[in-house]
C-alpha atoms as a PDB file:
ATOM      1  CA  MET A   1       6.298  -7.827  -3.102  1.00  0.00           C
ATOM      2  CA  ARG A   2       6.330 -10.368  -0.886  1.00  0.00           C
ATOM      3  CA  LYS A   3       9.339  -9.034   1.630  1.00  0.00           C
ATOM      4  CA  CYS A   4       7.235  -5.460   0.602  1.00  0.00           C
ATOM      5  CA  LEU A   5       3.820  -6.752   2.765  1.00  0.00           C
ATOM      6  CA  ILE A   6       5.440  -8.350   5.334  1.00  0.00           C
ATOM      7  CA  PHE A   7       7.959  -5.558   6.214  1.00  0.00           C
ATOM      8  CA  ILE A   8       4.566  -3.563   6.362  1.00  0.00           C
ATOM      9  CA  VAL A   9       2.777  -5.749   8.315  1.00  0.00           C
ATOM     10  CA  THR A  10       5.715  -6.365  11.363  1.00  0.00           C
ATOM     11  CA  LEU A  11       7.301  -2.781  11.111  1.00  0.00           C
ATOM     12  CA  PHE A  12       5.371  -1.624  13.914  1.00  0.00           C
ATOM     13  CA  SER A  13       4.284  -5.635  15.592  1.00  0.00           C
ATOM     14  CA  ALA A  14       7.752  -5.840  17.537  1.00  0.00           C
ATOM     15  CA  PHE A  15       7.495  -7.686  20.739  1.00  0.00           C
ATOM     16  CA  SER A  16       8.470  -5.568  23.893  1.00  0.00           C
ATOM     17  CA  SER A  17       7.436  -5.462  27.766  1.00  0.00           C
ATOM     18  CA  LEU A  18       4.933  -3.094  28.985  1.00  0.00           C
ATOM     19  CA  GLY A  19       6.051  -1.624  31.359  1.00  0.00           C
ATOM     20  CA  SER A  20       4.660  -0.364  35.091  1.00  0.00           C
ATOM     21  CA  SER A  21       4.052   2.972  34.023  1.00  0.00           C
ATOM     22  CA  ILE A  22       1.768   2.785  31.142  1.00  0.00           C
ATOM     23  CA  GLU A  23      -2.592   2.150  31.547  1.00  0.00           C
ATOM     24  CA  LEU A  24      -4.501   0.711  29.156  1.00  0.00           C
ATOM     25  CA  ILE A  25      -8.234   2.733  29.258  1.00  0.00           C
ATOM     26  CA  PRO A  26     -10.694   0.583  27.418  1.00  0.00           C
ATOM     27  CA  ILE A  27     -12.887   2.757  24.950  1.00  0.00           C
ATOM     28  CA  PRO A  28     -16.970   2.306  25.360  1.00  0.00           C
ATOM     29  CA  GLY A  29     -18.154   1.289  22.568  1.00  0.00           C
ATOM     30  CA  ALA A  30     -14.538   1.390  19.788  1.00  0.00           C
ATOM     31  CA  PHE A  31     -13.722  -1.241  18.349  1.00  0.00           C
ATOM     32  CA  CYS A  32     -10.916  -2.818  16.471  1.00  0.00           C
ATOM     33  CA  GLY A  33     -11.552  -3.933  12.357  1.00  0.00           C
ATOM     34  CA  ASN A  34     -12.185  -7.298  14.151  1.00  0.00           C
ATOM     35  CA  GLY A  35     -14.593  -6.548  17.237  1.00  0.00           C
ATOM     36  CA  ASP A  36     -11.707  -6.498  19.560  1.00  0.00           C
ATOM     37  CA  PRO A  37     -12.340  -3.516  22.468  1.00  0.00           C
ATOM     38  CA  TYR A  38     -10.308  -0.439  21.374  1.00  0.00           C
ATOM     39  CA  LYS A  39      -8.190   0.502  24.302  1.00  0.00           C
ATOM     40  CA  VAL A  40      -5.979   4.176  24.567  1.00  0.00           C
ATOM     41  CA  VAL A  41      -2.256   3.439  25.121  1.00  0.00           C
ATOM     42  CA  TYR A  42      -1.096   6.041  28.615  1.00  0.00           C
ATOM     43  CA  ARG A  43       2.231   6.525  29.754  1.00  0.00           C
ATOM     44  CA  LYS A  44       2.446   9.415  32.570  1.00  0.00           C
ATOM     45  CA  GLY A  45       5.512  11.822  31.604  1.00  0.00           C
ATOM     46  CA  THR A  46       7.472  14.571  34.295  1.00  0.00           C
ATOM     47  CA  LYS A  47       7.594  17.328  32.215  1.00  0.00           C
ATOM     48  CA  ASP A  48       3.863  19.479  31.148  1.00  0.00           C
ATOM     49  CA  SER A  49       4.342  17.948  27.342  1.00  0.00           C
ATOM     50  CA  LEU A  50       2.563  16.234  25.664  1.00  0.00           C
ATOM     51  CA  LEU A  51       2.752  13.527  22.618  1.00  0.00           C
ATOM     52  CA  VAL A  52      -0.193  11.689  21.030  1.00  0.00           C
ATOM     53  CA  HIS A  53       1.100   8.962  18.797  1.00  0.00           C
ATOM     54  CA  LEU A  54      -1.240   7.158  15.754  1.00  0.00           C
ATOM     55  CA  GLN A  55       0.434   4.078  15.341  1.00  0.00           C
ATOM     56  CA  GLY A  56       0.900   3.076  11.316  1.00  0.00           C
ATOM     57  CA  GLY A  57       0.643  -0.304   9.706  1.00  0.00           C
ATOM     58  CA  GLY A  58      -0.685  -0.788   6.108  1.00  0.00           C
ATOM     59  CA  MET A  59      -4.104  -0.327   5.143  1.00  0.00           C
ATOM     60  CA  CYS A  60      -6.605  -2.527   3.530  1.00  0.00           C
ATOM     61  CA  TRP A  61      -9.796  -2.015   1.656  1.00  0.00           C
ATOM     62  CA  ASP A  62     -11.393  -5.434   0.539  1.00  0.00           C
ATOM     63  CA  GLU A  63     -11.407  -9.273   1.237  1.00  0.00           C
ATOM     64  CA  LYS A  64      -7.603  -9.520  -0.445  1.00  0.00           C
ATOM     65  CA  THR A  65      -5.971  -7.023   0.932  1.00  0.00           C
ATOM     66  CA  CYS A  66      -7.724  -7.316   4.763  1.00  0.00           C
ATOM     67  CA  PHE A  67      -7.551 -11.435   4.572  1.00  0.00           C
ATOM     68  CA  SER A  68      -4.988 -12.284   2.535  1.00  0.00           C
ATOM     69  CA  PHE A  69      -1.777 -13.435   3.873  1.00  0.00           C
ATOM     70  CA  PRO A  70       0.757 -11.494   4.241  1.00  0.00           C
ATOM     71  CA  GLN A  71      -1.878  -9.332   5.584  1.00  0.00           C
ATOM     72  CA  MET A  72      -2.068  -5.258   4.436  1.00  0.00           C
ATOM     73  CA  THR A  73      -2.857  -4.185   7.649  1.00  0.00           C
ATOM     74  CA  HIS A  74      -3.897  -5.427  11.460  1.00  0.00           C
ATOM     75  CA  LEU A  75      -7.332  -6.278  12.342  1.00  0.00           C
ATOM     76  CA  ASN A  76      -7.383  -6.909  16.336  1.00  0.00           C
ATOM     77  CA  TRP A  77      -5.959  -4.948  18.854  1.00  0.00           C
ATOM     78  CA  PRO A  78      -1.709  -4.885  19.063  1.00  0.00           C
ATOM     79  CA  LEU A  79      -1.091  -6.403  22.431  1.00  0.00           C
ATOM     80  CA  LYS A  80       2.665  -5.190  22.195  1.00  0.00           C
ATOM     81  CA  VAL A  81       4.533  -2.531  20.563  1.00  0.00           C
ATOM     82  CA  ASP A  82       8.261  -1.455  21.138  1.00  0.00           C
ATOM     83  CA  TYR A  83       8.445   1.653  22.162  1.00  0.00           C
ATOM     84  CA  LYS A  84      11.536   3.234  20.259  1.00  0.00           C
ATOM     85  CA  GLY A  85      12.796   6.333  18.823  1.00  0.00           C
ATOM     86  CA  ILE A  86      11.098   9.216  19.939  1.00  0.00           C
ATOM     87  CA  LEU A  87       8.258   6.939  21.855  1.00  0.00           C
ATOM     88  CA  GLU A  88      10.545   5.694  23.671  1.00  0.00           C
ATOM     89  CA  SER A  89      10.651   6.901  27.146  1.00  0.00           C
ATOM     90  CA  GLY A  90      13.740   8.256  29.038  1.00  0.00           C
ATOM     91  CA  SER A  91      15.950   7.473  26.186  1.00  0.00           C
ATOM     92  CA  MET A  92      19.198   9.258  26.330  1.00  0.00           C
ATOM     93  CA  GLY A  93      18.766  11.471  23.315  1.00  0.00           C
ATOM     94  CA  ASN A  94      15.253  11.304  22.868  1.00  0.00           C
ATOM     95  CA  PRO A  95      13.996  15.012  23.363  1.00  0.00           C
ATOM     96  CA  MET A  96      10.324  13.624  23.935  1.00  0.00           C
ATOM     97  CA  LYS A  97      12.028  11.145  26.674  1.00  0.00           C
ATOM     98  CA  ASP A  98      10.198  12.567  29.379  1.00  0.00           C
ATOM     99  CA  ALA A  99       6.554  13.858  27.470  1.00  0.00           C
ATOM    100  CA  THR A 100       2.909  12.000  28.510  1.00  0.00           C
ATOM    101  CA  LEU A 101       2.210   9.834  25.880  1.00  0.00           C
ATOM    102  CA  ILE A 102      -1.440   9.704  24.395  1.00  0.00           C
ATOM    103  CA  GLU A 103      -1.272   6.305  21.974  1.00  0.00           C
ATOM    104  CA  PHE A 104      -3.482   5.650  19.641  1.00  0.00           C
ATOM    105  CA  ARG A 105      -2.961   2.049  18.444  1.00  0.00           C
ATOM    106  CA  TYR A 106      -3.997   1.293  14.681  1.00  0.00           C
ATOM    107  CA  CYS A 107      -6.170  -1.461  13.989  1.00  0.00           C
ATOM    108  CA  THR A 108      -9.359  -0.500  11.750  1.00  0.00           C
ATOM    109  CA  GLY A 109      -7.295  -0.250   8.304  1.00  0.00           C
ATOM    110  CA  ASP A 110      -9.032   2.959   7.444  1.00  0.00           C
ATOM    111  CA  ILE A 111      -5.806   5.233   8.161  1.00  0.00           C
ATOM    112  CA  PHE A 112      -8.084   6.877  11.072  1.00  0.00           C
ATOM    113  CA  VAL A 113     -11.016   8.267   9.030  1.00  0.00           C
ATOM    114  CA  GLY A 114     -13.158   5.367   8.970  1.00  0.00           C
ATOM    115  CA  SER A 115     -17.195   5.483  10.591  1.00  0.00           C
ATOM    116  CA  HIS A 116     -18.053   2.714   8.581  1.00  0.00           C
ATOM    117  CA  VAL A 117     -18.611  -1.612   8.473  1.00  0.00           C
ATOM    118  CA  ALA A 118     -17.935  -3.143   5.548  1.00  0.00           C
ATOM    119  CA  ARG A 119     -18.651  -6.454   4.621  1.00  0.00           C
ATOM    120  CA  TYR A 120     -15.744  -8.478   2.379  1.00  0.00           C
ATOM    121  CA  GLY A 121     -17.165 -11.636   1.556  1.00  0.00           C
ATOM    122  CA  LYS A 122     -18.710 -13.572   4.554  1.00  0.00           C
ATOM    123  CA  ARG A 123     -16.638 -11.801   6.827  1.00  0.00           C
ATOM    124  CA  GLN A 124     -16.831  -7.819   8.519  1.00  0.00           C
ATOM    125  CA  VAL A 125     -14.691  -5.075   9.277  1.00  0.00           C
ATOM    126  CA  ASN A 126     -14.941  -1.940  11.474  1.00  0.00           C
ATOM    127  CA  HIS A 127     -13.523   0.780   9.652  1.00  0.00           C
ATOM    128  CA  VAL A 128     -14.137   2.590  12.663  1.00  0.00           C
ATOM    129  CA  GLY A 129     -10.653   4.419  13.256  1.00  0.00           C
ATOM    130  CA  ARG A 130     -12.010   8.142  13.262  1.00  0.00           C
ATOM    131  CA  ARG A 131     -15.020   7.018  15.323  1.00  0.00           C
ATOM    132  CA  ASN A 132     -12.799   5.471  18.035  1.00  0.00           C
ATOM    133  CA  LEU A 133     -10.715   8.975  17.754  1.00  0.00           C
ATOM    134  CA  GLU A 134     -13.293  10.779  18.706  1.00  0.00           C
ATOM    135  CA  LEU A 135     -15.202   7.781  21.349  1.00  0.00           C
ATOM    136  CA  ALA A 136     -11.269   7.880  22.915  1.00  0.00           C
ATOM    137  CA  PHE A 137     -11.241  12.191  22.641  1.00  0.00           C
ATOM    138  CA  ALA A 138     -14.593  12.609  24.123  1.00  0.00           C
ATOM    139  CA  PHE A 139     -13.939   9.566  26.800  1.00  0.00           C
ATOM    140  CA  LEU A 140     -11.300  10.830  28.319  1.00  0.00           C
ATOM    141  CA  LYS A 141     -12.545  13.822  28.661  1.00  0.00           C
ATOM    142  CA  GLU A 142     -15.453  12.991  30.996  1.00  0.00           C
ATOM    143  CA  ARG A 143     -13.599  11.231  32.531  1.00  0.00           C
ATOM    144  CA  GLY A 144     -11.354  14.273  34.075  1.00  0.00           C
ATOM    145  CA  PHE A 145      -8.081  14.205  31.768  1.00  0.00           C
ATOM    146  CA  ASP A 146      -6.911  18.018  31.350  1.00  0.00           C
ATOM    147  CA  PHE A 147      -5.897  18.456  27.835  1.00  0.00           C
ATOM    148  CA  GLU A 148      -4.874  21.931  28.058  1.00  0.00           C
ATOM    149  CA  LYS A 149      -2.780  21.628  31.308  1.00  0.00           C
ATOM    150  CA  PHE A 150       0.697  21.114  29.120  1.00  0.00           C
ATOM    151  CA  GLN A 151       2.127  23.775  27.892  1.00  0.00           C
ATOM    152  CA  ASP A 152       3.060  21.962  24.622  1.00  0.00           C
ATOM    153  CA  VAL A 153       1.605  19.736  22.759  1.00  0.00           C
ATOM    154  CA  THR A 154       3.327  17.592  19.483  1.00  0.00           C
ATOM    155  CA  LEU A 155       1.773  14.829  17.489  1.00  0.00           C
ATOM    156  CA  TYR A 156       2.980  12.143  16.031  1.00  0.00           C
ATOM    157  CA  GLY A 157       2.665   9.679  13.184  1.00  0.00           C
ATOM    158  CA  GLU A 158       4.285   6.888  10.987  1.00  0.00           C
ATOM    159  CA  SER A 159       2.702   5.474   7.806  1.00  0.00           C
ATOM    160  CA  ALA A 160      -0.534   5.312   7.810  1.00  0.00           C
ATOM    161  CA  GLY A 161      -0.715   6.931  11.161  1.00  0.00           C
ATOM    162  CA  ALA A 162       1.401  10.170   9.420  1.00  0.00           C
ATOM    163  CA  PHE A 163      -1.706  10.383   6.624  1.00  0.00           C
ATOM    164  CA  GLY A 164      -4.423   9.791   9.488  1.00  0.00           C
ATOM    165  CA  MET A 165      -3.294  12.417  11.839  1.00  0.00           C
ATOM    166  CA  LEU A 166      -3.088  14.879   9.054  1.00  0.00           C
ATOM    167  CA  LEU A 167      -7.063  14.540   8.162  1.00  0.00           C
ATOM    168  CA  ASN A 168      -7.932  14.480  11.857  1.00  0.00           C
ATOM    169  CA  MET A 169      -5.919  17.971  12.409  1.00  0.00           C
ATOM    170  CA  ASP A 170      -9.638  19.115  13.089  1.00  0.00           C
ATOM    171  CA  LEU A 171     -10.608  16.199  16.095  1.00  0.00           C
ATOM    172  CA  PHE A 172      -6.556  17.993  17.418  1.00  0.00           C
ATOM    173  CA  GLU A 173      -7.609  21.391  17.416  1.00  0.00           C
ATOM    174  CA  SER A 174     -10.834  21.382  19.347  1.00  0.00           C
ATOM    175  CA  TYR A 175      -9.014  19.866  22.332  1.00  0.00           C
ATOM    176  CA  PHE A 176      -5.640  21.217  21.931  1.00  0.00           C
ATOM    177  CA  LYS A 177      -6.408  24.807  20.847  1.00  0.00           C
ATOM    178  CA  ASN A 178      -5.839  26.791  23.445  1.00  0.00           C
ATOM    179  CA  ILE A 179      -1.978  25.375  24.243  1.00  0.00           C
ATOM    180  CA  PRO A 180       0.444  27.729  23.775  1.00  0.00           C
ATOM    181  CA  VAL A 181       3.347  25.669  21.615  1.00  0.00           C
ATOM    182  CA  LYS A 182       1.841  22.759  19.177  1.00  0.00           C
ATOM    183  CA  ARG A 183       3.511  20.925  16.412  1.00  0.00           C
ATOM    184  CA  VAL A 184       3.274  18.225  13.843  1.00  0.00           C
ATOM    185  CA  ILE A 185       5.263  15.355  13.089  1.00  0.00           C
ATOM    186  CA  SER A 186       4.472  13.137   9.949  1.00  0.00           C
ATOM    187  CA  ASP A 187       6.346  10.698   9.708  1.00  0.00           C
ATOM    188  CA  SER A 188       6.297   8.881   6.028  1.00  0.00           C
ATOM    189  CA  PRO A 189       2.893   9.598   5.034  1.00  0.00           C
ATOM    190  CA  GLY A 190       2.893   9.132   1.439  1.00  0.00           C
ATOM    191  CA  VAL A 191       1.291  11.927  -0.184  1.00  0.00           C
ATOM    192  CA  HIS A 192       2.153  11.559  -3.913  1.00  0.00           C
ATOM    193  CA  PHE A 193      -0.243   8.413  -5.270  1.00  0.00           C
ATOM    194  CA  LYS A 194      -2.004   8.290  -8.845  1.00  0.00           C
ATOM    195  CA  SER A 195      -5.689   9.016  -9.626  1.00  0.00           C
ATOM    196  CA  THR A 196      -6.322   5.450  -9.878  1.00  0.00           C
ATOM    197  CA  ILE A 197      -5.622   5.132  -5.713  1.00  0.00           C
ATOM    198  CA  TRP A 198      -9.405   5.708  -5.399  1.00  0.00           C
ATOM    199  CA  GLU A 199      -9.836   2.788  -7.818  1.00  0.00           C
ATOM    200  CA  ASN A 200      -9.348   0.952  -4.577  1.00  0.00           C
ATOM    201  CA  PHE A 201     -12.714   2.094  -2.377  1.00  0.00           C
ATOM    202  CA  ASP A 202     -16.130   1.625  -2.405  1.00  0.00           C
ATOM    203  CA  GLU A 203     -18.416   4.336  -2.502  1.00  0.00           C
ATOM    204  CA  GLU A 204     -18.217   4.174   1.141  1.00  0.00           C
ATOM    205  CA  TYR A 205     -15.231   4.257   1.958  1.00  0.00           C
ATOM    206  CA  ILE A 206     -14.946   7.446  -0.296  1.00  0.00           C
ATOM    207  CA  ARG A 207     -17.506   9.401   1.482  1.00  0.00           C
ATOM    208  CA  ASP A 208     -15.539   8.745   4.626  1.00  0.00           C
ATOM    209  CA  PHE A 209     -12.445   9.886   2.768  1.00  0.00           C
ATOM    210  CA  GLU A 210     -14.495  13.529   1.732  1.00  0.00           C
ATOM    211  CA  ARG A 211     -16.123  13.895   5.111  1.00  0.00           C
ATOM    212  CA  ALA A 212     -12.363  13.596   6.269  1.00  0.00           C
ATOM    213  CA  TYR A 213     -11.225  16.135   3.703  1.00  0.00           C
ATOM    214  CA  SER A 214     -14.145  18.915   4.143  1.00  0.00           C
ATOM    215  CA  ARG A 215     -13.270  18.584   7.838  1.00  0.00           C
ATOM    216  CA  ILE A 216      -9.897  19.982   7.760  1.00  0.00           C
ATOM    217  CA  ARG A 217     -11.796  22.454   5.168  1.00  0.00           C
ATOM    218  CA  LEU A 218     -10.684  20.924   1.633  1.00  0.00           C
ATOM    219  CA  ARG A 219     -11.571  19.310  -1.013  1.00  0.00           C
ATOM    220  CA  LEU A 220     -11.168  15.431  -1.999  1.00  0.00           C
ATOM    221  CA  ASP A 221     -10.268  15.055  -5.948  1.00  0.00           C
ATOM    222  CA  ARG A 222     -11.256  11.625  -7.274  1.00  0.00           C
ATOM    223  CA  ASP A 223      -9.345  12.309 -10.219  1.00  0.00           C
ATOM    224  CA  GLY A 224      -6.053  13.031  -8.718  1.00  0.00           C
ATOM    225  CA  GLY A 225      -3.882  11.470  -5.601  1.00  0.00           C
ATOM    226  CA  TRP A 226      -1.145  14.415  -4.682  1.00  0.00           C
ATOM    227  CA  PHE A 227      -2.169  15.216  -1.319  1.00  0.00           C
ATOM    228  CA  SER A 228       0.628  17.325  -1.837  1.00  0.00           C
ATOM    229  CA  GLU A 229      -0.726  19.685  -3.253  1.00  0.00           C
ATOM    230  CA  LYS A 230      -3.133  20.434  -0.203  1.00  0.00           C
ATOM    231  CA  LEU A 231      -0.302  20.903   2.430  1.00  0.00           C
ATOM    232  CA  VAL A 232       0.197  24.202   2.093  1.00  0.00           C
ATOM    233  CA  SER A 233      -3.742  24.680   2.782  1.00  0.00           C
ATOM    234  CA  LEU A 234      -3.575  22.243   5.567  1.00  0.00           C
ATOM    235  CA  CYS A 235      -1.046  23.966   6.819  1.00  0.00           C
ATOM    236  CA  SER A 236      -2.481  27.320   6.529  1.00  0.00           C
ATOM    237  CA  ASN A 237      -6.107  26.515   7.854  1.00  0.00           C
ATOM    238  CA  PHE A 238      -3.973  25.169  11.128  1.00  0.00           C
ATOM    239  CA  HIS A 239      -1.850  28.118  11.044  1.00  0.00           C
ATOM    240  CA  ASN A 240      -0.945  28.015  15.231  1.00  0.00           C
ATOM    241  CA  TRP A 241       0.305  24.672  14.325  1.00  0.00           C
ATOM    242  CA  THR A 242       3.806  24.016  13.215  1.00  0.00           C
ATOM    243  CA  PHE A 243       4.159  21.038  10.860  1.00  0.00           C
ATOM    244  CA  GLY A 244       7.429  18.933   9.722  1.00  0.00           C
ATOM    245  CA  ILE A 245       6.606  16.019   7.213  1.00  0.00           C
ATOM    246  CA  LEU A 246       9.861  13.970   6.980  1.00  0.00           C
ATOM    247  CA  GLN A 247       9.559  11.557   3.754  1.00  0.00           C
ATOM    248  CA  GLY A 248      11.842   9.086   1.680  1.00  0.00           C
ATOM    249  CA  SER A 249      12.401   9.842  -1.542  1.00  0.00           C
ATOM    250  CA  LYS A 250      12.534   5.921  -2.568  1.00  0.00           C
ATOM    251  CA  ASP A 251       9.729   5.225  -0.369  1.00  0.00           C
ATOM    252  CA  PHE A 252       9.757   1.611  -1.243  1.00  0.00           C
ATOM    253  CA  VAL A 253       6.624   0.658   1.052  1.00  0.00           C
ATOM    254  CA  MET A 254       4.480   3.765  -0.303  1.00  0.00           C
ATOM    255  CA  ALA A 255       5.875   3.893  -4.262  1.00  0.00           C
ATOM    256  CA  LYS A 256       5.729  -0.255  -4.102  1.00  0.00           C
ATOM    257  CA  LEU A 257       2.511  -1.214  -2.078  1.00  0.00           C
ATOM    258  CA  PHE A 258       0.203   1.440  -2.449  1.00  0.00           C
ATOM    259  CA  GLY A 259       1.504   4.146  -4.841  1.00  0.00           C
ATOM    260  CA  LYS A 260       1.816   0.933  -7.242  1.00  0.00           C
ATOM    261  CA  MET A 261       4.975   2.715  -9.025  1.00  0.00           C
ATOM    262  CA  SER A 262       8.348   2.003  -8.925  1.00  0.00           C
ATOM    263  CA  PRO A 263      10.692   4.184  -6.339  1.00  0.00           C
ATOM    264  CA  GLU A 264      12.053   5.896  -8.927  1.00  0.00           C
ATOM    265  CA  GLU A 265       8.869   6.958 -10.316  1.00  0.00           C
ATOM    266  CA  PHE A 266       7.774   8.276  -6.299  1.00  0.00           C
ATOM    267  CA  GLN A 267      10.943  10.275  -5.893  1.00  0.00           C
ATOM    268  CA  ARG A 268       9.999  11.739  -8.898  1.00  0.00           C
ATOM    269  CA  ARG A 269       7.037  12.463  -7.886  1.00  0.00           C
ATOM    270  CA  VAL A 270       8.314  13.975  -4.588  1.00  0.00           C
ATOM    271  CA  PHE A 271      10.348  16.148  -6.109  1.00  0.00           C
ATOM    272  CA  SER A 272       7.869  17.556  -8.732  1.00  0.00           C
ATOM    273  CA  SER A 273       6.565  21.045  -8.717  1.00  0.00           C
ATOM    274  CA  ARG A 274       3.554  19.632  -7.368  1.00  0.00           C
ATOM    275  CA  GLY A 275       5.805  17.132  -4.269  1.00  0.00           C
ATOM    276  CA  ILE A 276       6.226  18.390  -0.954  1.00  0.00           C
ATOM    277  CA  TYR A 277      10.002  19.921  -1.505  1.00  0.00           C
ATOM    278  CA  GLU A 278       8.304  22.457  -3.785  1.00  0.00           C
ATOM    279  CA  GLN A 279       5.036  23.244  -2.079  1.00  0.00           C
ATOM    280  CA  LEU A 280       6.889  23.775   1.556  1.00  0.00           C
ATOM    281  CA  LYS A 281      10.144  25.176   0.500  1.00  0.00           C
ATOM    282  CA  ASP A 282       9.116  28.391   1.592  1.00  0.00           C
ATOM    283  CA  PRO A 283      10.647  29.087   5.051  1.00  0.00           C
ATOM    284  CA  GLY A 284       8.436  31.573   6.281  1.00  0.00           C
ATOM    285  CA  ASP A 285       5.509  29.365   6.454  1.00  0.00           C
ATOM    286  CA  ASN A 286       4.264  26.953   9.485  1.00  0.00           C
ATOM    287  CA  CYS A 287       4.956  23.795   7.263  1.00  0.00           C
ATOM    288  CA  SER A 288       8.521  21.927   6.272  1.00  0.00           C
ATOM    289  CA  ALA A 289      10.087  19.013   4.458  1.00  0.00           C
ATOM    290  CA  TRP A 290      12.706  16.405   5.096  1.00  0.00           C
ATOM    291  CA  ILE A 291      13.388  14.540   2.445  1.00  0.00           C
ATOM    292  CA  PRO A 292      16.392  12.219   1.710  1.00  0.00           C
ATOM    293  CA  GLU A 293      17.249  10.527  -1.172  1.00  0.00           C
ATOM    294  CA  SER A 294      16.066   7.419   0.378  1.00  0.00           C
ATOM    295  CA  TYR A 295      14.112   3.777   0.246  1.00  0.00           C
ATOM    296  CA  THR A 296      13.657   3.701   4.216  1.00  0.00           C
ATOM    297  CA  HIS A 297      10.299   4.163   5.198  1.00  0.00           C
ATOM    298  CA  VAL A 298      10.099   5.700   8.690  1.00  0.00           C
ATOM    299  CA  PHE A 299      12.547   7.587  10.532  1.00  0.00           C
ATOM    300  CA  LEU A 300      12.009   8.476  14.308  1.00  0.00           C
ATOM    301  CA  SER A 301      10.710   5.501  15.835  1.00  0.00           C
ATOM    302  CA  ASP A 302      13.837   3.879  15.852  1.00  0.00           C
ATOM    303  CA  LYS A 303      16.665   6.081  16.144  1.00  0.00           C
ATOM    304  CA  LYS A 304      19.061   3.777  13.499  1.00  0.00           C
ATOM    305  CA  ASN A 305      17.555   6.064  10.936  1.00  0.00           C
ATOM    306  CA  TRP A 306      18.182   9.424  13.385  1.00  0.00           C
ATOM    307  CA  TYR A 307      21.375   9.819  11.169  1.00  0.00           C
ATOM    308  CA  LYS A 308      20.024   8.972   7.930  1.00  0.00           C
ATOM    309  CA  SER A 309      20.097  12.757   6.094  1.00  0.00           C
ATOM    310  CA  THR A 310      19.321  15.000   3.270  1.00  0.00           C
ATOM    311  CA  LYS A 311      22.387  16.012   0.340  1.00  0.00           C
ATOM    312  CA  ASP A 312      22.298  18.764   2.626  1.00  0.00           C
ATOM    313  CA  HIS A 313      23.556  16.940   5.267  1.00  0.00           C
ATOM    314  CA  PHE A 314      20.620  17.605   7.921  1.00  0.00           C
ATOM    315  CA  SER A 315      19.791  14.607  10.158  1.00  0.00           C
ATOM    316  CA  ALA A 316      16.699  13.610  10.864  1.00  0.00           C
ATOM    317  CA  ARG A 317      17.933  13.836  14.469  1.00  0.00           C
ATOM    318  CA  LYS A 318      18.276  17.652  13.965  1.00  0.00           C
ATOM    319  CA  TYR A 319      15.424  18.454  11.566  1.00  0.00           C
ATOM    320  CA  LEU A 320      13.190  16.961  14.645  1.00  0.00           C
ATOM    321  CA  SER A 321      15.300  19.933  17.043  1.00  0.00           C
ATOM    322  CA  GLU A 322      14.562  22.238  14.802  1.00  0.00           C
ATOM    323  CA  ILE A 323      10.744  20.872  14.179  1.00  0.00           C
ATOM    324  CA  LEU A 324      10.522  21.219  18.322  1.00  0.00           C
ATOM    325  CA  ASP A 325      12.186  24.684  18.973  1.00  0.00           C
ATOM    326  CA  SER A 326       9.785  26.901  20.098  1.00  0.00           C
ATOM    327  CA  SER A 327      11.836  29.736  19.736  1.00  0.00           C
ATOM    328  CA  ARG A 328      12.415  29.469  15.875  1.00  0.00           C
ATOM    329  CA  LEU A 329      10.343  31.314  13.304  1.00  0.00           C
ATOM    330  CA  ASP A 330      11.195  30.075  10.015  1.00  0.00           C
ATOM    331  CA  PHE A 331      10.870  26.357   9.256  1.00  0.00           C
ATOM    332  CA  PRO A 332      13.407  25.967   5.660  1.00  0.00           C
ATOM    333  CA  SER A 333      12.949  22.388   3.890  1.00  0.00           C
ATOM    334  CA  HIS A 334      16.110  19.917   3.794  1.00  0.00           C
ATOM    335  CA  LYS A 335      17.013  17.419   0.268  1.00  0.00           C
END
């Protein structure tokens, strides 16, 4: 378990140079969990494509999960990240290498749904991920950023960012509704939890989740943790977007750390009638899933995982190309 905790905390914290092409934009009134000023990352591309990234990195909900060592998430502003895989600019083989990047780094521990300030013991935590997103989009628009000048937009989130992205689709739709081609790539969101997951959160936290579900026209069921069953409705509610979900069937992080179950039990849930494969196997809708039999957590943010494949010999890289192909009318799932 200790190794698992260290893995999730360090996964998105590798150091690298920011580079001269990246601009950090302070967002007035936006804060990290520990009070650090919040900033948005902007990197101008050379094509009329936009890549919006919601960074992952765990979650916390009480004094132990927010402050014990090793922590289950970061509450400070992440100074540097390693831009690899789908996020790597100018990298041969990356189909998004020339896209303009807007990145929302993760430092509120609330999978980007929070709008409240909590107190755990003697310490305060700003669970204000949703509020930060709202403030950031409004500030960028006021500053003159034209979100709809692009021909296509791709939302990419991994881990906490993958789930948080799905729960903020109303906000993305409001700013990108007139862009011709819109895609969502949700990398390892979990979405197969036990009903007991809601016991982790206090009422204010749960109300943030209820508001998030309501904004995307879904209902939170406090007696269930199967968000996988809601994906078809979510995709239907945002039918002008193409959704691709990547999820390792034995995802060790989502199973052990957040699901409190074995990887084998997690796999049984993934491939059950309520799991994402059965829910998203219709090739005629705008939703699909790619599910290798793997313990891997997160695939597209590191090229070393691009060549992991499903049993039908479909690699993560090939699935990425399939989701990005705007000429496709069918989106089959793969396992």
